[in-house]
């Protein structure tokens, strides 16, 4: 499972998240990513950004009923 250790918000994102009350949503996204299964394959080009994005997108699709 991926482990989110550090978050680096930029361009005032932290202030906007607080002001708009979006912290619960941000926490849910972190939880979805942390609970996803991230497999690393030995095949060339299988661990690129596109492949990882597909794995993360699959987690969001599974959680669609909760949104």
Protein backbone atom coordinates (compact mmCIF):
# COMPACT_ATOMS: atom_id res chain seq x y z
CA UNK A 1 0.00 0.00 0.00
CA UNK A 2 1.26 3.48 -0.75
CA UNK A 3 2.25 5.57 2.23
CA UNK A 4 1.68 9.33 2.09
CA UNK A 5 4.35 10.76 4.33
CA UNK A 6 4.53 14.44 3.44
CA UNK A 7 2.15 16.83 1.74
CA UNK A 8 3.43 19.97 0.04
CA UNK A 9 0.50 22.30 -0.72
CA UNK A 10 1.44 25.21 -2.95
CA UNK A 11 0.00 28.57 -4.06
CA UNK A 12 -2.02 28.99 -0.88
CA UNK A 13 -3.82 25.64 -1.19
CA UNK A 14 -3.77 25.07 2.58
CA UNK A 15 -5.50 28.38 3.24
CA UNK A 16 -8.13 27.70 0.57
CA UNK A 17 -8.82 24.22 1.90
CA UNK A 18 -9.31 25.62 5.40
CA UNK A 19 -11.39 28.59 4.22
CA UNK A 20 -13.69 26.42 2.10
CA UNK A 21 -14.01 23.68 4.72
CA UNK A 22 -12.56 21.04 2.39
CA UNK A 23 -10.26 19.30 4.87
CA UNK A 24 -12.60 16.29 5.29
CA UNK A 25 -12.55 15.82 1.50
CA UNK A 26 -8.74 16.10 1.36
CA UNK A 27 -8.47 13.58 4.20
CA UNK A 28 -10.76 11.19 2.31
CA UNK A 29 -8.59 11.46 -0.81
CA UNK A 30 -5.47 10.74 1.25
CA UNK A 31 -7.23 7.72 2.78
CA UNK A 32 -8.31 6.39 -0.63
CA UNK A 33 -4.79 6.67 -1.99
CA UNK A 34 -3.26 5.15 1.16
CA UNK A 35 -5.68 2.23 1.09
CA UNK A 36 -5.13 1.47 -2.58
CA UNK A 37 -2.97 -1.39 -3.69
CA UNK A 38 0.02 -0.19 -5.67
CA UNK A 39 1.71 -2.99 -7.56
CA UNK A 40 5.16 -2.59 -9.04
CA UNK A 41 5.74 -4.60 -12.19
CA UNK A 42 9.03 -5.70 -13.67
CA UNK A 43 7.91 -4.98 -17.26
CA UNK A 44 9.32 -1.87 -18.93
CA UNK A 45 7.05 1.22 -18.81
CA UNK A 46 4.54 -0.50 -16.52
CA UNK A 47 5.37 1.68 -13.50
CA UNK A 48 5.05 5.05 -15.20
CA UNK A 49 2.70 7.81 -14.19
CA UNK A 50 -0.07 6.59 -16.50
CA UNK A 51 -0.07 3.09 -14.99
CA UNK A 52 -0.06 4.42 -11.45
CA UNK A 53 -2.84 6.87 -12.31
CA UNK A 54 -4.99 3.97 -13.59
CA UNK A 55 -4.50 2.14 -10.29
CA UNK A 56 -5.47 5.21 -8.28
CA UNK A 57 -8.46 5.92 -10.56
CA UNK A 58 -9.69 2.38 -9.95
CA UNK A 59 -9.75 3.09 -6.20
CA UNK A 60 -11.82 6.22 -6.75
CA UNK A 61 -14.26 4.28 -8.95
CA UNK A 62 -14.70 1.67 -6.20
CA UNK A 63 -15.44 4.44 -3.71
CA UNK A 64 -17.88 6.19 -6.04
CA UNK A 65 -20.82 4.98 -3.96
CA UNK A 66 -19.50 6.88 -0.95
CA UNK A 67 -19.32 10.28 -2.69
